[in-house]
Amino acid sequence: MIQVNLSEAKANLSRYVRQARAGERVVLCERNVPVVELRAIPSGTPLGKSSFGLSKGLFTVGPEFFQADADILEDFEQSGNLP
């Protein structure tokens, strides 16, 4: 791990970017206190807008998930909390 103060990082930014891209952990400090970590972004990582479907196939939602809404609604209706 490399720790550098901001003034040093400004003066040699391209060097630290190269090291981060190579897998080195680069921590930027203000007055020797760590505040930011410089790290590479894996290729193919979407930036900006969120992408729908990134978790497709990683988990399933059973019917009990949807039943929970009906149970909560029923509880409200029975307690008189709905208009």
PDB file of N, CA and C in Angstrom:
ATOM      1  N   MET A   1       0.845  -1.166   0.000  1.00  0.00           N
ATOM      2  CA  MET A   1       0.000   0.000   0.000  1.00  0.00           C
ATOM      3  C   MET A   1       0.898   1.241   0.000  1.00  0.00           C
ATOM      4  N   ILE A   2       0.480   2.201  -0.797  1.00  0.00           N
ATOM      5  CA  ILE A   2       1.195   3.466  -0.886  1.00  0.00           C
ATOM      6  C   ILE A   2       0.320   4.546  -0.263  1.00  0.00           C
ATOM      7  N   GLN A   3       0.877   5.363   0.630  1.00  0.00           N
ATOM      8  CA  GLN A   3       0.168   6.500   1.200  1.00  0.00           C
ATOM      9  C   GLN A   3       0.898   7.768   0.794  1.00  0.00           C
ATOM     10  N   VAL A   4       0.168   8.707   0.192  1.00  0.00           N
ATOM     11  CA  VAL A   4       0.772   9.967  -0.231  1.00  0.00           C
ATOM     12  C   VAL A   4      -0.157  11.123   0.139  1.00  0.00           C
ATOM     13  N   ASN A   5       0.427  12.262   0.463  1.00  0.00           N
ATOM     14  CA  ASN A   5      -0.350  13.456   0.729  1.00  0.00           C
ATOM     15  C   ASN A   5      -0.827  14.051  -0.589  1.00  0.00           C
ATOM     16  N   LEU A   6      -1.883  14.842  -0.526  1.00  0.00           N
ATOM     17  CA  LEU A   6      -2.501  15.379  -1.729  1.00  0.00           C
ATOM     18  C   LEU A   6      -1.535  16.177  -2.593  1.00  0.00           C
ATOM     19  N   SER A   7      -0.686  16.965  -1.990  1.00  0.00           N
ATOM     20  CA  SER A   7       0.261  17.758  -2.788  1.00  0.00           C
ATOM     21  C   SER A   7       1.178  16.855  -3.611  1.00  0.00           C
ATOM     22  N   GLU A   8       1.633  15.772  -3.012  1.00  0.00           N
ATOM     23  CA  GLU A   8       2.466  14.798  -3.728  1.00  0.00           C
ATOM     24  C   GLU A   8       1.656  14.112  -4.826  1.00  0.00           C
ATOM     25  N   ALA A   9       0.420  13.764  -4.526  1.00  0.00           N
ATOM     26  CA  ALA A   9      -0.438  13.109  -5.508  1.00  0.00           C
ATOM     27  C   ALA A   9      -0.703  14.017  -6.706  1.00  0.00           C
ATOM     28  N   LYS A  10      -0.932  15.306  -6.451  1.00  0.00           N
ATOM     29  CA  LYS A  10      -1.160  16.261  -7.537  1.00  0.00           C
ATOM     30  C   LYS A  10       0.056  16.332  -8.450  1.00  0.00           C
ATOM     31  N   ALA A  11       1.227  16.376  -7.852  1.00  0.00           N
ATOM     32  CA  ALA A  11       2.459  16.521  -8.628  1.00  0.00           C
ATOM     33  C   ALA A  11       2.783  15.279  -9.454  1.00  0.00           C
ATOM     34  N   ASN A  12       2.340  14.112  -8.986  1.00  0.00           N
ATOM     35  CA  ASN A  12       2.698  12.853  -9.652  1.00  0.00           C
ATOM     36  C   ASN A  12       1.476  11.970  -9.902  1.00  0.00           C
ATOM     37  N   LEU A  13       0.356  12.590 -10.253  1.00  0.00           N
ATOM     38  CA  LEU A  13      -0.888  11.845 -10.388  1.00  0.00           C
ATOM     39  C   LEU A  13      -0.799  10.696 -11.387  1.00  0.00           C
ATOM     40  N   SER A  14      -0.222  10.942 -12.544  1.00  0.00           N
ATOM     41  CA  SER A  14      -0.155   9.882 -13.557  1.00  0.00           C
ATOM     42  C   SER A  14       0.611   8.662 -13.035  1.00  0.00           C
ATOM     43  N   ARG A  15       1.634   8.894 -12.261  1.00  0.00           N
ATOM     44  CA  ARG A  15       2.411   7.794 -11.675  1.00  0.00           C
ATOM     45  C   ARG A  15       1.534   6.953 -10.744  1.00  0.00           C
ATOM     46  N   TYR A  16       0.751   7.624  -9.894  1.00  0.00           N
ATOM     47  CA  TYR A  16      -0.089   6.897  -8.942  1.00  0.00           C
ATOM     48  C   TYR A  16      -1.261   6.208  -9.631  1.00  0.00           C
ATOM     49  N   VAL A  17      -1.753   6.805 -10.700  1.00  0.00           N
ATOM     50  CA  VAL A  17      -2.803   6.151 -11.484  1.00  0.00           C
ATOM     51  C   VAL A  17      -2.260   4.872 -12.105  1.00  0.00           C
ATOM     52  N   ARG A  18      -1.066   4.927 -12.659  1.00  0.00           N
ATOM     53  CA  ARG A  18      -0.446   3.718 -13.239  1.00  0.00           C
ATOM     54  C   ARG A  18      -0.300   2.633 -12.178  1.00  0.00           C
ATOM     55  N   GLN A  19       0.127   3.018 -10.994  1.00  0.00           N
ATOM     56  CA  GLN A  19       0.306   2.033  -9.925  1.00  0.00           C
ATOM     57  C   GLN A  19      -1.029   1.444  -9.487  1.00  0.00           C
ATOM     58  N   ALA A  20      -2.058   2.276  -9.418  1.00  0.00           N
ATOM     59  CA  ALA A  20      -3.387   1.774  -9.047  1.00  0.00           C
ATOM     60  C   ALA A  20      -3.910   0.829 -10.118  1.00  0.00           C
ATOM     61  N   ARG A  21      -3.708   1.179 -11.389  1.00  0.00           N
ATOM     62  CA  ARG A  21      -4.159   0.298 -12.477  1.00  0.00           C
ATOM     63  C   ARG A  21      -3.431  -1.035 -12.447  1.00  0.00           C
ATOM     64  N   ALA A  22      -2.209  -1.035 -11.935  1.00  0.00           N
ATOM     65  CA  ALA A  22      -1.431  -2.272 -11.836  1.00  0.00           C
ATOM     66  C   ALA A  22      -1.829  -3.099 -10.614  1.00  0.00           C
ATOM     67  N   GLY A  23      -2.787  -2.583  -9.806  1.00  0.00           N
ATOM     68  CA  GLY A  23      -3.257  -3.342  -8.656  1.00  0.00           C
ATOM     69  C   GLY A  23      -2.750  -2.864  -7.318  1.00  0.00           C
ATOM     70  N   GLU A  24      -1.900  -1.847  -7.333  1.00  0.00           N
ATOM     71  CA  GLU A  24      -1.378  -1.306  -6.080  1.00  0.00           C
ATOM     72  C   GLU A  24      -2.465  -0.500  -5.380  1.00  0.00           C
ATOM     73  N   ARG A  25      -2.511  -0.575  -4.072  1.00  0.00           N
ATOM     74  CA  ARG A  25      -3.462   0.216  -3.282  1.00  0.00           C
ATOM     75  C   ARG A  25      -2.806   1.567  -3.004  1.00  0.00           C
ATOM     76  N   VAL A  26      -3.435   2.650  -3.471  1.00  0.00           N
ATOM     77  CA  VAL A  26      -2.897   3.998  -3.299  1.00  0.00           C
ATOM     78  C   VAL A  26      -3.880   4.792  -2.440  1.00  0.00           C
ATOM     79  N   VAL A  27      -3.438   5.235  -1.288  1.00  0.00           N
ATOM     80  CA  VAL A  27      -4.275   5.982  -0.359  1.00  0.00           C
ATOM     81  C   VAL A  27      -3.800   7.434  -0.333  1.00  0.00           C
ATOM     82  N   LEU A  28      -4.748   8.355  -0.581  1.00  0.00           N
ATOM     83  CA  LEU A  28      -4.425   9.773  -0.552  1.00  0.00           C
ATOM     84  C   LEU A  28      -4.756  10.322   0.830  1.00  0.00           C
ATOM     85  N   CYS A  29      -3.862  11.164   1.335  1.00  0.00           N
ATOM     86  CA  CYS A  29      -3.996  11.680   2.705  1.00  0.00           C
ATOM     87  C   CYS A  29      -4.026  13.199   2.710  1.00  0.00           C
ATOM     88  N   GLU A  30      -4.684  13.741   3.726  1.00  0.00           N
ATOM     89  CA  GLU A  30      -4.619  15.165   4.030  1.00  0.00           C
ATOM     90  C   GLU A  30      -3.910  15.287   5.367  1.00  0.00           C
ATOM     91  N   ARG A  31      -2.753  15.929   5.348  1.00  0.00           N
ATOM     92  CA  ARG A  31      -1.931  16.066   6.563  1.00  0.00           C
ATOM     93  C   ARG A  31      -1.696  14.711   7.229  1.00  0.00           C
ATOM     94  N   ASN A  32      -1.344  13.736   6.408  1.00  0.00           N
ATOM     95  CA  ASN A  32      -1.015  12.371   6.831  1.00  0.00           C
ATOM     96  C   ASN A  32      -2.195  11.585   7.389  1.00  0.00           C
ATOM     97  N   VAL A  33      -3.414  12.059   7.151  1.00  0.00           N
ATOM     98  CA  VAL A  33      -4.614  11.331   7.573  1.00  0.00           C
ATOM     99  C   VAL A  33      -5.285  10.774   6.313  1.00  0.00           C
ATOM    100  N   PRO A  34      -5.426   9.451   6.184  1.00  0.00           N
ATOM    101  CA  PRO A  34      -6.041   8.856   4.989  1.00  0.00           C
ATOM    102  C   PRO A  34      -7.471   9.348   4.780  1.00  0.00           C
ATOM    103  N   VAL A  35      -7.776   9.764   3.532  1.00  0.00           N
ATOM    104  CA  VAL A  35      -9.117  10.249   3.219  1.00  0.00           C
ATOM    105  C   VAL A  35      -9.725   9.602   1.981  1.00  0.00           C
ATOM    106  N   VAL A  36      -8.898   9.149   1.049  1.00  0.00           N
ATOM    107  CA  VAL A  36      -9.401   8.608  -0.211  1.00  0.00           C
ATOM    108  C   VAL A  36      -8.493   7.479  -0.674  1.00  0.00           C
ATOM    109  N   GLU A  37      -9.122   6.481  -1.264  1.00  0.00           N
ATOM    110  CA  GLU A  37      -8.327   5.406  -1.873  1.00  0.00           C
ATOM    111  C   GLU A  37      -8.470   5.496  -3.381  1.00  0.00           C
ATOM    112  N   LEU A  38      -7.361   5.488  -4.079  1.00  0.00           N
ATOM    113  CA  LEU A  38      -7.332   5.507  -5.536  1.00  0.00           C
ATOM    114  C   LEU A  38      -7.245   4.063  -5.999  1.00  0.00           C
ATOM    115  N   ARG A  39      -8.213   3.647  -6.820  1.00  0.00           N
ATOM    116  CA  ARG A  39      -8.192   2.269  -7.295  1.00  0.00           C
ATOM    117  C   ARG A  39      -8.691   2.198  -8.724  1.00  0.00           C
ATOM    118  N   ALA A  40      -8.297   1.161  -9.406  1.00  0.00           N
ATOM    119  CA  ALA A  40      -8.700   0.973 -10.792  1.00  0.00           C
ATOM    120  C   ALA A  40     -10.152   0.508 -10.867  1.00  0.00           C
ATOM    121  N   ILE A  41     -10.836   0.896 -11.935  1.00  0.00           N
ATOM    122  CA  ILE A  41     -12.182   0.422 -12.203  1.00  0.00           C
ATOM    123  C   ILE A  41     -12.056  -0.738 -13.178  1.00  0.00           C
ATOM    124  N   PRO A  42     -12.616  -1.910 -12.836  1.00  0.00           N
ATOM    125  CA  PRO A  42     -12.518  -3.054 -13.751  1.00  0.00           C
ATOM    126  C   PRO A  42     -13.126  -2.723 -15.113  1.00  0.00           C
ATOM    127  N   SER A  43     -12.495  -3.220 -16.174  1.00  0.00           N
ATOM    128  CA  SER A  43     -13.006  -2.950 -17.514  1.00  0.00           C
ATOM    129  C   SER A  43     -14.400  -3.554 -17.651  1.00  0.00           C
ATOM    130  N   GLY A  44     -15.245  -2.858 -18.363  1.00  0.00           N
ATOM    131  CA  GLY A  44     -16.615  -3.316 -18.567  1.00  0.00           C
ATOM    132  C   GLY A  44     -17.577  -2.879 -17.483  1.00  0.00           C
ATOM    133  N   THR A  45     -17.085  -2.161 -16.473  1.00  0.00           N
ATOM    134  CA  THR A  45     -17.955  -1.679 -15.402  1.00  0.00           C
ATOM    135  C   THR A  45     -18.781  -0.512 -15.925  1.00  0.00           C
ATOM    136  N   PRO A  46     -20.127  -0.622 -15.846  1.00  0.00           N
ATOM    137  CA  PRO A  46     -20.945   0.480 -16.334  1.00  0.00           C
ATOM    138  C   PRO A  46     -20.837   1.687 -15.406  1.00  0.00           C
ATOM    139  N   LEU A  47     -20.718   2.847 -15.995  1.00  0.00           N
ATOM    140  CA  LEU A  47     -20.651   4.080 -15.220  1.00  0.00           C
ATOM    141  C   LEU A  47     -21.875   4.920 -15.520  1.00  0.00           C
ATOM    142  N   GLY A  48     -22.242   5.762 -14.595  1.00  0.00           N
ATOM    143  CA  GLY A  48     -23.370   6.654 -14.829  1.00  0.00           C
ATOM    144  C   GLY A  48     -24.681   5.993 -14.494  1.00  0.00           C
ATOM    145  N   LYS A  49     -25.520   5.765 -15.526  1.00  0.00           N
ATOM    146  CA  LYS A  49     -26.844   5.210 -15.302  1.00  0.00           C
ATOM    147  C   LYS A  49     -26.775   3.794 -14.737  1.00  0.00           C
ATOM    148  N   SER A  50     -27.737   3.484 -13.886  1.00  0.00           N
ATOM    149  CA  SER A  50     -27.842   2.133 -13.347  1.00  0.00           C
ATOM    150  C   SER A  50     -28.318   1.196 -14.445  1.00  0.00           C
ATOM    151  N   SER A  51     -27.836  -0.019 -14.401  1.00  0.00           N
ATOM    152  CA  SER A  51     -28.252  -1.029 -15.367  1.00  0.00           C
ATOM    153  C   SER A  51     -29.186  -2.007 -14.688  1.00  0.00           C
ATOM    154  N   PHE A  52     -30.368  -2.170 -15.248  1.00  0.00           N
ATOM    155  CA  PHE A  52     -31.308  -3.131 -14.710  1.00  0.00           C
ATOM    156  C   PHE A  52     -30.914  -4.530 -15.129  1.00  0.00           C
ATOM    157  N   GLY A  53     -31.181  -5.482 -14.279  1.00  0.00           N
ATOM    158  CA  GLY A  53     -30.947  -6.879 -14.609  1.00  0.00           C
ATOM    159  C   GLY A  53     -29.582  -7.406 -14.242  1.00  0.00           C
ATOM    160  N   LEU A  54     -28.763  -6.624 -13.542  1.00  0.00           N
ATOM    161  CA  LEU A  54     -27.423  -7.090 -13.199  1.00  0.00           C
ATOM    162  C   LEU A  54     -27.451  -8.274 -12.245  1.00  0.00           C
ATOM    163  N   SER A  55     -28.538  -8.416 -11.471  1.00  0.00           N
ATOM    164  CA  SER A  55     -28.637  -9.520 -10.506  1.00  0.00           C
ATOM    165  C   SER A  55     -29.485 -10.671 -11.029  1.00  0.00           C
ATOM    166  N   LYS A  56     -29.855 -10.617 -12.295  1.00  0.00           N
ATOM    167  CA  LYS A  56     -30.718 -11.648 -12.863  1.00  0.00           C
ATOM    168  C   LYS A  56     -30.080 -13.030 -12.676  1.00  0.00           C
ATOM    169  N   GLY A  57     -30.859 -13.927 -12.097  1.00  0.00           N
ATOM    170  CA  GLY A  57     -30.401 -15.297 -11.895  1.00  0.00           C
ATOM    171  C   GLY A  57     -29.634 -15.514 -10.603  1.00  0.00           C
ATOM    172  N   LEU A  58     -29.349 -14.454  -9.850  1.00  0.00           N
ATOM    173  CA  LEU A  58     -28.586 -14.599  -8.614  1.00  0.00           C
ATOM    174  C   LEU A  58     -29.456 -15.001  -7.432  1.00  0.00           C
ATOM    175  N   PHE A  59     -30.758 -14.707  -7.506  1.00  0.00           N
ATOM    176  CA  PHE A  59     -31.668 -15.094  -6.431  1.00  0.00           C
ATOM    177  C   PHE A  59     -33.079 -15.189  -6.996  1.00  0.00           C
ATOM    178  N   THR A  60     -33.943 -15.829  -6.248  1.00  0.00           N
ATOM    179  CA  THR A  60     -35.343 -15.939  -6.648  1.00  0.00           C
ATOM    180  C   THR A  60     -36.220 -15.368  -5.549  1.00  0.00           C
ATOM    181  N   VAL A  61     -37.384 -14.893  -5.956  1.00  0.00           N
ATOM    182  CA  VAL A  61     -38.352 -14.344  -5.019  1.00  0.00           C
ATOM    183  C   VAL A  61     -39.553 -15.275  -5.024  1.00  0.00           C
ATOM    184  N   GLY A  62     -39.840 -15.836  -3.869  1.00  0.00           N
ATOM    185  CA  GLY A  62     -40.956 -16.764  -3.760  1.00  0.00           C
ATOM    186  C   GLY A  62     -42.270 -16.044  -3.571  1.00  0.00           C
ATOM    187  N   PRO A  63     -43.376 -16.772  -3.670  1.00  0.00           N
ATOM    188  CA  PRO A  63     -44.698 -16.165  -3.543  1.00  0.00           C
ATOM    189  C   PRO A  63     -44.948 -15.548  -2.164  1.00  0.00           C
ATOM    190  N   GLU A  64     -44.230 -16.023  -1.130  1.00  0.00           N
ATOM    191  CA  GLU A  64     -44.415 -15.466   0.210  1.00  0.00           C
ATOM    192  C   GLU A  64     -43.991 -13.995   0.268  1.00  0.00           C
ATOM    193  N   PHE A  65     -43.114 -13.580  -0.615  1.00  0.00           N
ATOM    194  CA  PHE A  65     -42.707 -12.180  -0.669  1.00  0.00           C
ATOM    195  C   PHE A  65     -43.908 -11.290  -0.992  1.00  0.00           C
ATOM    196  N   PHE A  66     -44.691 -11.698  -1.966  1.00  0.00           N
ATOM    197  CA  PHE A  66     -45.847 -10.916  -2.375  1.00  0.00           C
ATOM    198  C   PHE A  66     -46.993 -11.040  -1.374  1.00  0.00           C
ATOM    199  N   GLN A  67     -47.066 -12.164  -0.691  1.00  0.00           N
ATOM    200  CA  GLN A  67     -48.094 -12.360   0.322  1.00  0.00           C
ATOM    201  C   GLN A  67     -47.886 -11.402   1.494  1.00  0.00           C
ATOM    202  N   ALA A  68     -46.657 -11.044   1.777  1.00  0.00           N
ATOM    203  CA  ALA A  68     -46.361 -10.147   2.895  1.00  0.00           C
ATOM    204  C   ALA A  68     -47.100  -8.825   2.731  1.00  0.00           C
ATOM    205  N   ASP A  69     -47.175  -8.296   1.499  1.00  0.00           N
ATOM    206  CA  ASP A  69     -47.912  -7.050   1.267  1.00  0.00           C
ATOM    207  C   ASP A  69     -49.382  -7.205   1.623  1.00  0.00           C
ATOM    208  N   ALA A  70     -49.961  -8.314   1.236  1.00  0.00           N
ATOM    209  CA  ALA A  70     -51.373  -8.551   1.530  1.00  0.00           C
ATOM    210  C   ALA A  70     -51.586  -8.667   3.042  1.00  0.00           C
ATOM    211  N   ASP A  71     -50.678  -9.324   3.740  1.00  0.00           N
ATOM    212  CA  ASP A  71     -50.789  -9.470   5.196  1.00  0.00           C
ATOM    213  C   ASP A  71     -50.697  -8.107   5.891  1.00  0.00           C
ATOM    214  N   ILE A  72     -49.793  -7.279   5.452  1.00  0.00           N
ATOM    215  CA  ILE A  72     -49.638  -5.947   6.044  1.00  0.00           C
ATOM    216  C   ILE A  72     -50.888  -5.116   5.786  1.00  0.00           C
ATOM    217  N   LEU A  73     -51.396  -5.155   4.548  1.00  0.00           N
ATOM    218  CA  LEU A  73     -52.608  -4.420   4.213  1.00  0.00           C
ATOM    219  C   LEU A  73     -53.779  -4.886   5.072  1.00  0.00           C
ATOM    220  N   GLU A  74     -53.893  -6.183   5.252  1.00  0.00           N
ATOM    221  CA  GLU A  74     -54.968  -6.725   6.081  1.00  0.00           C
ATOM    222  C   GLU A  74     -54.855  -6.232   7.527  1.00  0.00           C
ATOM    223  N   ASP A  75     -53.638  -6.197   8.061  1.00  0.00           N
ATOM    224  CA  ASP A  75     -53.426  -5.699   9.423  1.00  0.00           C
ATOM    225  C   ASP A  75     -53.887  -4.244   9.551  1.00  0.00           C
ATOM    226  N   PHE A  76     -53.555  -3.417   8.553  1.00  0.00           N
ATOM    227  CA  PHE A  76     -53.978  -2.024   8.587  1.00  0.00           C
ATOM    228  C   PHE A  76     -55.495  -1.909   8.515  1.00  0.00           C
ATOM    229  N   GLU A  77     -56.090  -2.687   7.634  1.00  0.00           N
ATOM    230  CA  GLU A  77     -57.535  -2.603   7.469  1.00  0.00           C
ATOM    231  C   GLU A  77     -58.255  -3.009   8.754  1.00  0.00           C
ATOM    232  N   GLN A  78     -57.746  -4.001   9.451  1.00  0.00           N
ATOM    233  CA  GLN A  78     -58.371  -4.475  10.668  1.00  0.00           C
ATOM    234  C   GLN A  78     -58.192  -3.473  11.819  1.00  0.00           C
ATOM    235  N   SER A  79     -57.096  -2.732  11.793  1.00  0.00           N
ATOM    236  CA  SER A  79     -56.855  -1.801  12.903  1.00  0.00           C
ATOM    237  C   SER A  79     -57.510  -0.457  12.681  1.00  0.00           C
ATOM    238  N   GLY A  80     -58.085  -0.262  11.505  1.00  0.00           N
ATOM    239  CA  GLY A  80     -58.765   0.993  11.226  1.00  0.00           C
ATOM    240  C   GLY A  80     -57.824   2.134  10.881  1.00  0.00           C
ATOM    241  N   ASN A  81     -56.593   1.831  10.493  1.00  0.00           N
ATOM    242  CA  ASN A  81     -55.616   2.879  10.192  1.00  0.00           C
ATOM    243  C   ASN A  81     -55.704   3.388   8.759  1.00  0.00           C
ATOM    244  N   LEU A  82     -56.501   2.742   7.932  1.00  0.00           N
ATOM    245  CA  LEU A  82     -56.645   3.220   6.563  1.00  0.00           C
ATOM    246  C   LEU A  82     -57.883   4.098   6.471  1.00  0.00           C
ATOM    247  N   PRO A  83     -57.842   5.124   5.622  1.00  0.00           N
ATOM    248  CA  PRO A  83     -59.016   6.001   5.471  1.00  0.00           C
ATOM    249  C   PRO A  83     -60.190   5.268   4.836  1.00  0.00           C
TER     250      PRO A  83
END
